[in-house]
């Protein structure tokens, strides 16, 4: 995101427009017409920047931090220059923007399930809350935590940036650094020991199983017979192995590799709404904690 020249230009222009507005306020030369021009220009530059964030699958947390700094500058200039308009404007914007930044960056971030790779627990259209402080505090999505660092555990529903695309994924954590992960006949083996599976139900299309690894339990879905080619993966240092609960319809570590430790955003903790399509009504029937 910060390597995108269009995004950087939009941020620079927003700063320039704010600087011009502050100067005109302090010089008492701000007119309704000039204020409207600056507002439209600043809004246009901001929308371009937001568009580039979505194009690059960037993190809004960094933008909220920049916005908080802009508002704080306005407030401090107003206090230093004893200008009531700047103080009121800066205070009115800084408090809500900074609070949103704190909550979204360090507490919880909303995320919509984009695929069926975590069926039956999570379905397309589920809106969940991602616990952003599960593995430590950091501002950017990718990077090492600066405080309260903790490592992912077996069975965690993890939200992360995979190594092959800059888009958040959600999967189940299966293997830690140094583990040997085997996959044979629809069963996972961790360091040579099969993860316990218990039959739940079956239809012509699929079978549901309860899978237990240590204190972690979840329901998984498999399709077809049990025959499969043996696969084995050795998890390298500082990397993790993840899989979807919908085992036969999931793009995961079996196909694109391991997840670096610094790429974890947090854990999926709560389904708060389901909205399956734009023409559908939102539903809260599936609201609850994620297993």
C-alpha atoms as a PDB file:
ATOM      1  CA  UNK A   1       0.000   0.000   0.000  1.00  0.00           C
ATOM      2  CA  UNK A   2       2.766   2.458   0.943  1.00  0.00           C
ATOM      3  CA  UNK A   3       4.603   1.475  -2.227  1.00  0.00           C
ATOM      4  CA  UNK A   4       1.701   2.710  -4.375  1.00  0.00           C
ATOM      5  CA  UNK A   5       2.588   6.169  -5.777  1.00  0.00           C
ATOM      6  CA  UNK A   6      -1.076   7.046  -6.378  1.00  0.00           C
ATOM      7  CA  UNK A   7      -1.933   6.327  -2.726  1.00  0.00           C
ATOM      8  CA  UNK A   8       1.059   8.332  -1.504  1.00  0.00           C
ATOM      9  CA  UNK A   9       0.130  11.228  -3.801  1.00  0.00           C
ATOM     10  CA  UNK A  10      -3.438  11.248  -2.477  1.00  0.00           C
ATOM     11  CA  UNK A  11      -2.179  11.394   1.136  1.00  0.00           C
ATOM     12  CA  UNK A  12       0.228  14.224   0.232  1.00  0.00           C
ATOM     13  CA  UNK A  13      -2.572  16.202  -1.437  1.00  0.00           C
ATOM     14  CA  UNK A  14      -4.850  15.779   1.570  1.00  0.00           C
ATOM     15  CA  UNK A  15      -2.104  17.146   3.825  1.00  0.00           C
ATOM     16  CA  UNK A  16      -1.620  20.081   1.427  1.00  0.00           C
ATOM     17  CA  UNK A  17      -5.326  20.941   1.343  1.00  0.00           C
ATOM     18  CA  UNK A  18      -5.517  20.800   5.148  1.00  0.00           C
ATOM     19  CA  UNK A  19      -2.429  23.035   5.401  1.00  0.00           C
ATOM     20  CA  UNK A  20      -3.998  25.588   3.043  1.00  0.00           C
ATOM     21  CA  UNK A  21      -7.247  25.490   5.047  1.00  0.00           C
ATOM     22  CA  UNK A  22      -5.374  26.018   8.345  1.00  0.00           C
ATOM     23  CA  UNK A  23      -3.407  28.918   6.831  1.00  0.00           C
ATOM     24  CA  UNK A  24      -6.550  30.637   5.553  1.00  0.00           C
ATOM     25  CA  UNK A  25      -8.290  30.178   8.911  1.00  0.00           C
ATOM     26  CA  UNK A  26      -5.349  31.714  10.760  1.00  0.00           C
ATOM     27  CA  UNK A  27      -5.107  34.588   8.260  1.00  0.00           C
ATOM     28  CA  UNK A  28      -8.868  35.084   8.452  1.00  0.00           C
ATOM     29  CA  UNK A  29      -9.081  34.832   4.640  1.00  0.00           C
ATOM     30  CA  UNK A  30     -11.215  31.711   4.464  1.00  0.00           C
ATOM     31  CA  UNK A  31     -14.411  32.268   2.476  1.00  0.00           C
ATOM     32  CA  UNK A  32     -17.355  29.964   1.953  1.00  0.00           C
ATOM     33  CA  UNK A  33     -16.282  29.459  -1.659  1.00  0.00           C
ATOM     34  CA  UNK A  34     -12.654  28.601  -0.838  1.00  0.00           C
ATOM     35  CA  UNK A  35     -13.757  26.298   1.970  1.00  0.00           C
ATOM     36  CA  UNK A  36     -16.080  24.460  -0.426  1.00  0.00           C
ATOM     37  CA  UNK A  37     -13.290  24.107  -3.007  1.00  0.00           C
ATOM     38  CA  UNK A  38     -10.874  22.761  -0.398  1.00  0.00           C
ATOM     39  CA  UNK A  39     -13.531  20.379   0.919  1.00  0.00           C
ATOM     40  CA  UNK A  40     -14.300  18.949  -2.526  1.00  0.00           C
ATOM     41  CA  UNK A  41     -10.603  18.675  -3.421  1.00  0.00           C
ATOM     42  CA  UNK A  42      -9.748  17.007  -0.115  1.00  0.00           C
ATOM     43  CA  UNK A  43     -12.679  14.606  -0.355  1.00  0.00           C
ATOM     44  CA  UNK A  44     -11.720  13.657  -3.922  1.00  0.00           C
ATOM     45  CA  UNK A  45      -8.114  12.955  -2.902  1.00  0.00           C
ATOM     46  CA  UNK A  46      -9.320  10.920   0.089  1.00  0.00           C
ATOM     47  CA  UNK A  47     -11.654   8.804  -2.057  1.00  0.00           C
ATOM     48  CA  UNK A  48      -8.816   8.073  -4.484  1.00  0.00           C
ATOM     49  CA  UNK A  49      -6.635   6.995  -1.568  1.00  0.00           C
ATOM     50  CA  UNK A  50      -9.379   4.746  -0.145  1.00  0.00           C
ATOM     51  CA  UNK A  51      -9.912   3.224  -3.587  1.00  0.00           C
ATOM     52  CA  UNK A  52      -6.191   2.424  -3.821  1.00  0.00           C
ATOM     53  CA  UNK A  53      -6.349   0.784  -0.380  1.00  0.00           C
ATOM     54  CA  UNK A  54      -9.003  -1.640  -1.590  1.00  0.00           C
ATOM     55  CA  UNK A  55      -7.177  -2.250  -4.877  1.00  0.00           C
ATOM     56  CA  UNK A  56      -4.021  -3.173  -2.949  1.00  0.00           C
ATOM     57  CA  UNK A  57      -5.940  -4.985  -0.192  1.00  0.00           C
ATOM     58  CA  UNK A  58      -4.334  -2.593   2.268  1.00  0.00           C
ATOM     59  CA  UNK A  59      -5.018  -2.053   5.918  1.00  0.00           C
ATOM     60  CA  UNK A  60      -7.332   0.763   6.992  1.00  0.00           C
ATOM     61  CA  UNK A  61      -5.613   0.838  10.385  1.00  0.00           C
ATOM     62  CA  UNK A  62      -2.645   2.736   8.963  1.00  0.00           C
ATOM     63  CA  UNK A  63      -4.972   5.214   7.259  1.00  0.00           C
ATOM     64  CA  UNK A  64      -6.901   5.767  10.485  1.00  0.00           C
ATOM     65  CA  UNK A  65      -3.590   6.493  12.208  1.00  0.00           C
ATOM     66  CA  UNK A  66      -2.721   9.066   9.529  1.00  0.00           C
ATOM     67  CA  UNK A  67      -6.184  10.599   9.902  1.00  0.00           C
ATOM     68  CA  UNK A  68      -5.739  10.785  13.675  1.00  0.00           C
ATOM     69  CA  UNK A  69      -2.417  12.582  13.220  1.00  0.00           C
ATOM     70  CA  UNK A  70      -4.009  15.087  10.819  1.00  0.00           C
ATOM     71  CA  UNK A  71      -6.804  15.840  13.291  1.00  0.00           C
ATOM     72  CA  UNK A  72      -4.332  16.147  16.162  1.00  0.00           C
ATOM     73  CA  UNK A  73      -2.245  18.644  14.169  1.00  0.00           C
ATOM     74  CA  UNK A  74      -5.346  20.791  13.601  1.00  0.00           C
ATOM     75  CA  UNK A  75      -6.187  20.629  17.318  1.00  0.00           C
ATOM     76  CA  UNK A  76      -2.644  21.505  18.442  1.00  0.00           C
ATOM     77  CA  UNK A  77      -2.372  24.409  15.997  1.00  0.00           C
ATOM     78  CA  UNK A  78      -5.721  25.683  17.270  1.00  0.00           C
ATOM     79  CA  UNK A  79      -4.543  25.484  20.891  1.00  0.00           C
ATOM     80  CA  UNK A  80      -1.163  27.079  20.146  1.00  0.00           C
ATOM     81  CA  UNK A  81      -2.688  29.880  18.035  1.00  0.00           C
ATOM     82  CA  UNK A  82      -5.728  30.175  20.326  1.00  0.00           C
ATOM     83  CA  UNK A  83      -8.086  29.746  17.366  1.00  0.00           C
ATOM     84  CA  UNK A  84     -11.532  28.495  18.398  1.00  0.00           C
ATOM     85  CA  UNK A  85     -12.482  27.148  14.933  1.00  0.00           C
ATOM     86  CA  UNK A  86      -9.339  25.006  14.646  1.00  0.00           C
ATOM     87  CA  UNK A  87      -9.698  23.762  18.228  1.00  0.00           C
ATOM     88  CA  UNK A  88     -13.342  22.793  17.760  1.00  0.00           C
ATOM     89  CA  UNK A  89     -12.713  21.128  14.392  1.00  0.00           C
ATOM     90  CA  UNK A  90      -9.624  19.239  15.568  1.00  0.00           C
ATOM     91  CA  UNK A  91     -11.247  18.049  18.778  1.00  0.00           C
ATOM     92  CA  UNK A  92     -14.476  17.074  16.985  1.00  0.00           C
ATOM     93  CA  UNK A  93     -12.620  14.850  14.496  1.00  0.00           C
ATOM     94  CA  UNK A  94      -9.646  13.609  16.528  1.00  0.00           C
ATOM     95  CA  UNK A  95     -11.583  11.889  19.318  1.00  0.00           C
ATOM     96  CA  UNK A  96     -13.847   9.655  17.152  1.00  0.00           C
ATOM     97  CA  UNK A  97     -11.178   8.900  14.514  1.00  0.00           C
ATOM     98  CA  UNK A  98      -8.591   7.974  17.152  1.00  0.00           C
ATOM     99  CA  UNK A  99     -11.072   5.790  19.042  1.00  0.00           C
ATOM    100  CA  UNK A 100     -11.986   3.949  15.825  1.00  0.00           C
ATOM    101  CA  UNK A 101      -8.264   3.493  15.116  1.00  0.00           C
ATOM    102  CA  UNK A 102      -7.645   2.027  18.587  1.00  0.00           C
ATOM    103  CA  UNK A 103     -10.642  -0.326  18.485  1.00  0.00           C
ATOM    104  CA  UNK A 104     -10.091  -1.547  14.924  1.00  0.00           C
ATOM    105  CA  UNK A 105      -6.320  -1.910  15.153  1.00  0.00           C
ATOM    106  CA  UNK A 106      -5.865  -3.349  18.637  1.00  0.00           C
ATOM    107  CA  UNK A 107      -9.263  -4.793  19.604  1.00  0.00           C
ATOM    108  CA  UNK A 108     -11.609  -6.151  16.919  1.00  0.00           C
ATOM    109  CA  UNK A 109     -11.891  -5.853  13.140  1.00  0.00           C
ATOM    110  CA  UNK A 110     -14.970  -6.915  11.113  1.00  0.00           C
ATOM    111  CA  UNK A 111     -14.455  -9.523   8.393  1.00  0.00           C
ATOM    112  CA  UNK A 112     -16.841 -11.207   5.960  1.00  0.00           C
ATOM    113  CA  UNK A 113     -16.369 -14.878   5.084  1.00  0.00           C
ATOM    114  CA  UNK A 114     -15.685 -14.901   1.308  1.00  0.00           C
ATOM    115  CA  UNK A 115     -15.733 -18.649   0.548  1.00  0.00           C
ATOM    116  CA  UNK A 116     -16.991 -22.015   1.750  1.00  0.00           C
ATOM    117  CA  UNK A 117     -13.586 -23.337   2.854  1.00  0.00           C
ATOM    118  CA  UNK A 118     -14.610 -23.314   6.546  1.00  0.00           C
ATOM    119  CA  UNK A 119     -18.003 -25.019   6.157  1.00  0.00           C
ATOM    120  CA  UNK A 120     -19.820 -26.163   8.286  1.00  0.00           C
ATOM    121  CA  UNK A 121     -18.650 -23.807  11.046  1.00  0.00           C
ATOM    122  CA  UNK A 122     -18.409 -20.689   8.879  1.00  0.00           C
ATOM    123  CA  UNK A 123     -20.423 -20.065   5.750  1.00  0.00           C
ATOM    124  CA  UNK A 124     -20.275 -17.577   2.886  1.00  0.00           C
ATOM    125  CA  UNK A 125     -21.842 -14.311   4.028  1.00  0.00           C
ATOM    126  CA  UNK A 126     -21.050 -14.696   7.726  1.00  0.00           C
ATOM    127  CA  UNK A 127     -19.778 -11.459   9.267  1.00  0.00           C
ATOM    128  CA  UNK A 128     -17.331 -12.131  12.076  1.00  0.00           C
ATOM    129  CA  UNK A 129     -15.200 -10.169  14.515  1.00  0.00           C
ATOM    130  CA  UNK A 130     -11.458 -10.787  14.367  1.00  0.00           C
ATOM    131  CA  UNK A 131      -9.638 -10.532  17.681  1.00  0.00           C
ATOM    132  CA  UNK A 132      -6.675  -8.329  16.694  1.00  0.00           C
ATOM    133  CA  UNK A 133      -4.796  -8.776  19.990  1.00  0.00           C
ATOM    134  CA  UNK A 134      -4.750 -12.592  20.083  1.00  0.00           C
ATOM    135  CA  UNK A 135      -1.111 -12.764  19.008  1.00  0.00           C
ATOM    136  CA  UNK A 136       0.122  -9.342  20.086  1.00  0.00           C
ATOM    137  CA  UNK A 137      -0.307  -5.671  19.290  1.00  0.00           C
ATOM    138  CA  UNK A 138       0.731  -4.227  15.912  1.00  0.00           C
ATOM    139  CA  UNK A 139      -0.496  -1.465  13.617  1.00  0.00           C
ATOM    140  CA  UNK A 140       0.004  -3.054  10.195  1.00  0.00           C
ATOM    141  CA  UNK A 141      -1.526  -6.368   9.242  1.00  0.00           C
ATOM    142  CA  UNK A 142       1.888  -7.835   8.458  1.00  0.00           C
ATOM    143  CA  UNK A 143       4.792  -7.490  10.860  1.00  0.00           C
ATOM    144  CA  UNK A 144       6.014  -8.488  14.291  1.00  0.00           C
ATOM    145  CA  UNK A 145       4.017  -7.355  17.340  1.00  0.00           C
ATOM    146  CA  UNK A 146       5.491  -4.541  19.394  1.00  0.00           C
ATOM    147  CA  UNK A 147       3.853  -5.776  22.631  1.00  0.00           C
ATOM    148  CA  UNK A 148       2.001  -8.729  24.210  1.00  0.00           C
ATOM    149  CA  UNK A 149       3.311 -11.221  21.637  1.00  0.00           C
ATOM    150  CA  UNK A 150       1.784 -14.716  21.720  1.00  0.00           C
ATOM    151  CA  UNK A 151       2.040 -17.648  19.314  1.00  0.00           C
ATOM    152  CA  UNK A 152      -0.891 -19.368  17.537  1.00  0.00           C
ATOM    153  CA  UNK A 153      -2.131 -22.628  19.036  1.00  0.00           C
ATOM    154  CA  UNK A 154      -3.483 -25.851  17.545  1.00  0.00           C
ATOM    155  CA  UNK A 155      -7.084 -25.524  16.454  1.00  0.00           C
ATOM    156  CA  UNK A 156      -7.181 -21.716  16.395  1.00  0.00           C
ATOM    157  CA  UNK A 157      -9.420 -20.175  13.728  1.00  0.00           C
ATOM    158  CA  UNK A 158      -6.777 -17.859  12.321  1.00  0.00           C
ATOM    159  CA  UNK A 159      -7.100 -14.820  10.060  1.00  0.00           C
ATOM    160  CA  UNK A 160      -3.903 -14.056   8.160  1.00  0.00           C
ATOM    161  CA  UNK A 161      -2.335 -12.805   4.938  1.00  0.00           C
ATOM    162  CA  UNK A 162      -1.182 -15.842   2.902  1.00  0.00           C
ATOM    163  CA  UNK A 163       2.200 -15.801   1.150  1.00  0.00           C
ATOM    164  CA  UNK A 164       0.767 -15.783  -2.392  1.00  0.00           C
ATOM    165  CA  UNK A 165      -1.837 -12.954  -2.300  1.00  0.00           C
ATOM    166  CA  UNK A 166      -2.323  -9.764  -0.285  1.00  0.00           C
ATOM    167  CA  UNK A 167      -5.867 -10.667   0.828  1.00  0.00           C
ATOM    168  CA  UNK A 168      -6.945 -11.936   4.285  1.00  0.00           C
ATOM    169  CA  UNK A 169      -7.740 -15.667   4.561  1.00  0.00           C
ATOM    170  CA  UNK A 170      -9.375 -17.597   7.395  1.00  0.00           C
ATOM    171  CA  UNK A 171      -8.417 -21.215   8.174  1.00  0.00           C
ATOM    172  CA  UNK A 172      -7.784 -23.676  11.007  1.00  0.00           C
ATOM    173  CA  UNK A 173      -4.276 -23.897  12.478  1.00  0.00           C
ATOM    174  CA  UNK A 174      -3.003 -27.472  12.213  1.00  0.00           C
ATOM    175  CA  UNK A 175       0.789 -27.403  12.438  1.00  0.00           C
ATOM    176  CA  UNK A 176       3.431 -25.413  14.329  1.00  0.00           C
ATOM    177  CA  UNK A 177       7.098 -24.807  13.472  1.00  0.00           C
ATOM    178  CA  UNK A 178       9.002 -28.105  13.348  1.00  0.00           C
ATOM    179  CA  UNK A 179       5.883 -30.302  13.031  1.00  0.00           C
ATOM    180  CA  UNK A 180       5.556 -32.983  10.387  1.00  0.00           C
ATOM    181  CA  UNK A 181       2.031 -32.921   8.951  1.00  0.00           C
ATOM    182  CA  UNK A 182       0.712 -35.933   7.066  1.00  0.00           C
ATOM    183  CA  UNK A 183      -2.542 -36.197   5.128  1.00  0.00           C
ATOM    184  CA  UNK A 184      -3.778 -39.647   4.058  1.00  0.00           C
ATOM    185  CA  UNK A 185      -7.262 -41.027   3.458  1.00  0.00           C
ATOM    186  CA  UNK A 186      -8.948 -37.847   4.720  1.00  0.00           C
ATOM    187  CA  UNK A 187      -7.032 -37.960   8.003  1.00  0.00           C
ATOM    188  CA  UNK A 188      -4.442 -35.546   9.346  1.00  0.00           C
ATOM    189  CA  UNK A 189      -1.354 -36.820  11.121  1.00  0.00           C
ATOM    190  CA  UNK A 190       0.646 -34.485  13.373  1.00  0.00           C
ATOM    191  CA  UNK A 191       4.134 -35.857  14.044  1.00  0.00           C
ATOM    192  CA  UNK A 192       2.977 -39.337  13.092  1.00  0.00           C
ATOM    193  CA  UNK A 193      -0.156 -39.359  15.281  1.00  0.00           C
ATOM    194  CA  UNK A 194      -3.589 -39.205  13.657  1.00  0.00           C
ATOM    195  CA  UNK A 195      -5.981 -36.475  14.790  1.00  0.00           C
ATOM    196  CA  UNK A 196      -8.956 -38.207  16.395  1.00  0.00           C
ATOM    197  CA  UNK A 197     -12.120 -38.227  14.267  1.00  0.00           C
ATOM    198  CA  UNK A 198     -15.677 -39.170  15.268  1.00  0.00           C
ATOM    199  CA  UNK A 199     -18.514 -39.762  12.781  1.00  0.00           C
ATOM    200  CA  UNK A 200     -21.475 -37.368  13.059  1.00  0.00           C
ATOM    201  CA  UNK A 201     -23.625 -37.715   9.951  1.00  0.00           C
ATOM    202  CA  UNK A 202     -23.462 -38.440   6.247  1.00  0.00           C
ATOM    203  CA  UNK A 203     -25.407 -37.590   3.082  1.00  0.00           C
ATOM    204  CA  UNK A 204     -24.940 -38.439  -0.574  1.00  0.00           C
ATOM    205  CA  UNK A 205     -22.880 -35.248  -0.951  1.00  0.00           C
ATOM    206  CA  UNK A 206     -20.658 -35.169   2.155  1.00  0.00           C
ATOM    207  CA  UNK A 207     -19.763 -36.490   5.592  1.00  0.00           C
ATOM    208  CA  UNK A 208     -19.469 -34.532   8.834  1.00  0.00           C
ATOM    209  CA  UNK A 209     -16.877 -35.566  11.422  1.00  0.00           C
ATOM    210  CA  UNK A 210     -15.906 -34.229  14.846  1.00  0.00           C
ATOM    211  CA  UNK A 211     -12.154 -33.760  14.984  1.00  0.00           C
ATOM    212  CA  UNK A 212     -10.224 -33.454  18.259  1.00  0.00           C
ATOM    213  CA  UNK A 213      -6.634 -32.290  18.738  1.00  0.00           C
ATOM    214  CA  UNK A 214      -5.728 -31.747  22.381  1.00  0.00           C
ATOM    215  CA  UNK A 215      -8.313 -29.408  23.915  1.00  0.00           C
ATOM    216  CA  UNK A 216      -9.500 -28.240  20.473  1.00  0.00           C
ATOM    217  CA  UNK A 217     -12.642 -29.660  18.882  1.00  0.00           C
ATOM    218  CA  UNK A 218     -14.325 -28.774  15.580  1.00  0.00           C
ATOM    219  CA  UNK A 219     -16.669 -30.231  12.988  1.00  0.00           C
ATOM    220  CA  UNK A 220     -15.173 -30.827   9.569  1.00  0.00           C
ATOM    221  CA  UNK A 221     -16.674 -31.734   6.203  1.00  0.00           C
ATOM    222  CA  UNK A 222     -15.252 -34.252   3.735  1.00  0.00           C
ATOM    223  CA  UNK A 223     -16.464 -35.229   0.279  1.00  0.00           C
ATOM    224  CA  UNK A 224     -16.100 -38.521  -1.567  1.00  0.00           C
ATOM    225  CA  UNK A 225     -14.341 -41.728  -0.585  1.00  0.00           C
ATOM    226  CA  UNK A 226     -11.425 -42.208   1.756  1.00  0.00           C
ATOM    227  CA  UNK A 227      -8.733 -43.042  -0.814  1.00  0.00           C
ATOM    228  CA  UNK A 228      -6.155 -40.310  -1.395  1.00  0.00           C
ATOM    229  CA  UNK A 229      -2.475 -39.956  -2.190  1.00  0.00           C
ATOM    230  CA  UNK A 230      -0.245 -39.657   0.890  1.00  0.00           C
ATOM    231  CA  UNK A 231       1.071 -36.154   1.521  1.00  0.00           C
ATOM    232  CA  UNK A 232       3.641 -34.994   4.054  1.00  0.00           C
ATOM    233  CA  UNK A 233       4.779 -31.491   4.975  1.00  0.00           C
ATOM    234  CA  UNK A 234       7.556 -30.397   7.339  1.00  0.00           C
ATOM    235  CA  UNK A 235       6.736 -26.987   8.818  1.00  0.00           C
ATOM    236  CA  UNK A 236       9.792 -24.683   8.741  1.00  0.00           C
ATOM    237  CA  UNK A 237      10.872 -22.383  11.567  1.00  0.00           C
ATOM    238  CA  UNK A 238       8.666 -19.330  12.194  1.00  0.00           C
ATOM    239  CA  UNK A 239       5.931 -20.744   9.900  1.00  0.00           C
ATOM    240  CA  UNK A 240       2.593 -22.493  10.432  1.00  0.00           C
ATOM    241  CA  UNK A 241       0.418 -25.016   8.565  1.00  0.00           C
ATOM    242  CA  UNK A 242      -3.283 -24.189   8.088  1.00  0.00           C
ATOM    243  CA  UNK A 243      -6.246 -26.006   6.523  1.00  0.00           C
ATOM    244  CA  UNK A 244      -9.926 -25.319   5.928  1.00  0.00           C
ATOM    245  CA  UNK A 245     -12.579 -27.324   7.784  1.00  0.00           C
ATOM    246  CA  UNK A 246     -14.205 -28.052   4.421  1.00  0.00           C
ATOM    247  CA  UNK A 247     -11.275 -30.309   3.624  1.00  0.00           C
ATOM    248  CA  UNK A 248     -11.972 -31.105  -0.022  1.00  0.00           C
ATOM    249  CA  UNK A 249     -12.909 -27.542  -0.987  1.00  0.00           C
ATOM    250  CA  UNK A 250     -10.202 -25.426   0.593  1.00  0.00           C
ATOM    251  CA  UNK A 251      -7.187 -23.590  -0.805  1.00  0.00           C
ATOM    252  CA  UNK A 252      -4.717 -23.854   2.070  1.00  0.00           C
ATOM    253  CA  UNK A 253      -1.185 -24.842   3.071  1.00  0.00           C
ATOM    254  CA  UNK A 254      -1.455 -28.059   1.078  1.00  0.00           C
ATOM    255  CA  UNK A 255      -1.424 -25.973  -2.100  1.00  0.00           C
ATOM    256  CA  UNK A 256       0.305 -22.620  -1.506  1.00  0.00           C
ATOM    257  CA  UNK A 257       2.577 -23.328   1.443  1.00  0.00           C
ATOM    258  CA  UNK A 258       3.110 -22.187   5.008  1.00  0.00           C
ATOM    259  CA  UNK A 259       2.063 -18.980   6.775  1.00  0.00           C
ATOM    260  CA  UNK A 260       4.866 -16.808   8.229  1.00  0.00           C
ATOM    261  CA  UNK A 261       4.395 -15.932  11.904  1.00  0.00           C
ATOM    262  CA  UNK A 262       4.301 -12.182  11.192  1.00  0.00           C
ATOM    263  CA  UNK A 263       1.393 -12.616   8.733  1.00  0.00           C
ATOM    264  CA  UNK A 264      -1.206 -13.507  11.374  1.00  0.00           C
ATOM    265  CA  UNK A 265      -3.795 -10.779  12.000  1.00  0.00           C
ATOM    266  CA  UNK A 266      -5.686 -12.506  14.805  1.00  0.00           C
ATOM    267  CA  UNK A 267      -8.371 -15.090  15.517  1.00  0.00           C
ATOM    268  CA  UNK A 268     -11.974 -15.319  14.386  1.00  0.00           C
ATOM    269  CA  UNK A 269     -14.033 -15.187  17.565  1.00  0.00           C
ATOM    270  CA  UNK A 270     -17.650 -14.253  16.935  1.00  0.00           C
ATOM    271  CA  UNK A 271     -20.275 -14.461  14.194  1.00  0.00           C
ATOM    272  CA  UNK A 272     -22.423 -11.352  14.595  1.00  0.00           C
ATOM    273  CA  UNK A 273     -24.455 -11.366  11.365  1.00  0.00           C
ATOM    274  CA  UNK A 274     -25.041 -13.315   8.164  1.00  0.00           C
ATOM    275  CA  UNK A 275     -25.784 -11.561   4.875  1.00  0.00           C
ATOM    276  CA  UNK A 276     -25.713 -14.034   2.010  1.00  0.00           C
ATOM    277  CA  UNK A 277     -26.521 -11.696  -0.889  1.00  0.00           C
ATOM    278  CA  UNK A 278     -27.329  -8.042  -1.600  1.00  0.00           C
ATOM    279  CA  UNK A 279     -30.955  -8.930  -2.297  1.00  0.00           C
ATOM    280  CA  UNK A 280     -31.248 -10.914   0.975  1.00  0.00           C
ATOM    281  CA  UNK A 281     -32.130  -9.609   4.401  1.00  0.00           C
ATOM    282  CA  UNK A 282     -29.399  -9.810   7.064  1.00  0.00           C
ATOM    283  CA  UNK A 283     -29.906 -12.626   9.555  1.00  0.00           C
ATOM    284  CA  UNK A 284     -28.741 -13.033  13.151  1.00  0.00           C
ATOM    285  CA  UNK A 285     -29.719 -16.708  13.485  1.00  0.00           C
ATOM    286  CA  UNK A 286     -26.099 -17.863  13.294  1.00  0.00           C
ATOM    287  CA  UNK A 287     -24.793 -15.282  15.777  1.00  0.00           C
ATOM    288  CA  UNK A 288     -22.491 -16.757  18.394  1.00  0.00           C
ATOM    289  CA  UNK A 289     -18.921 -17.690  19.261  1.00  0.00           C
ATOM    290  CA  UNK A 290     -16.815 -19.590  16.715  1.00  0.00           C
ATOM    291  CA  UNK A 291     -15.710 -23.105  17.652  1.00  0.00           C
END
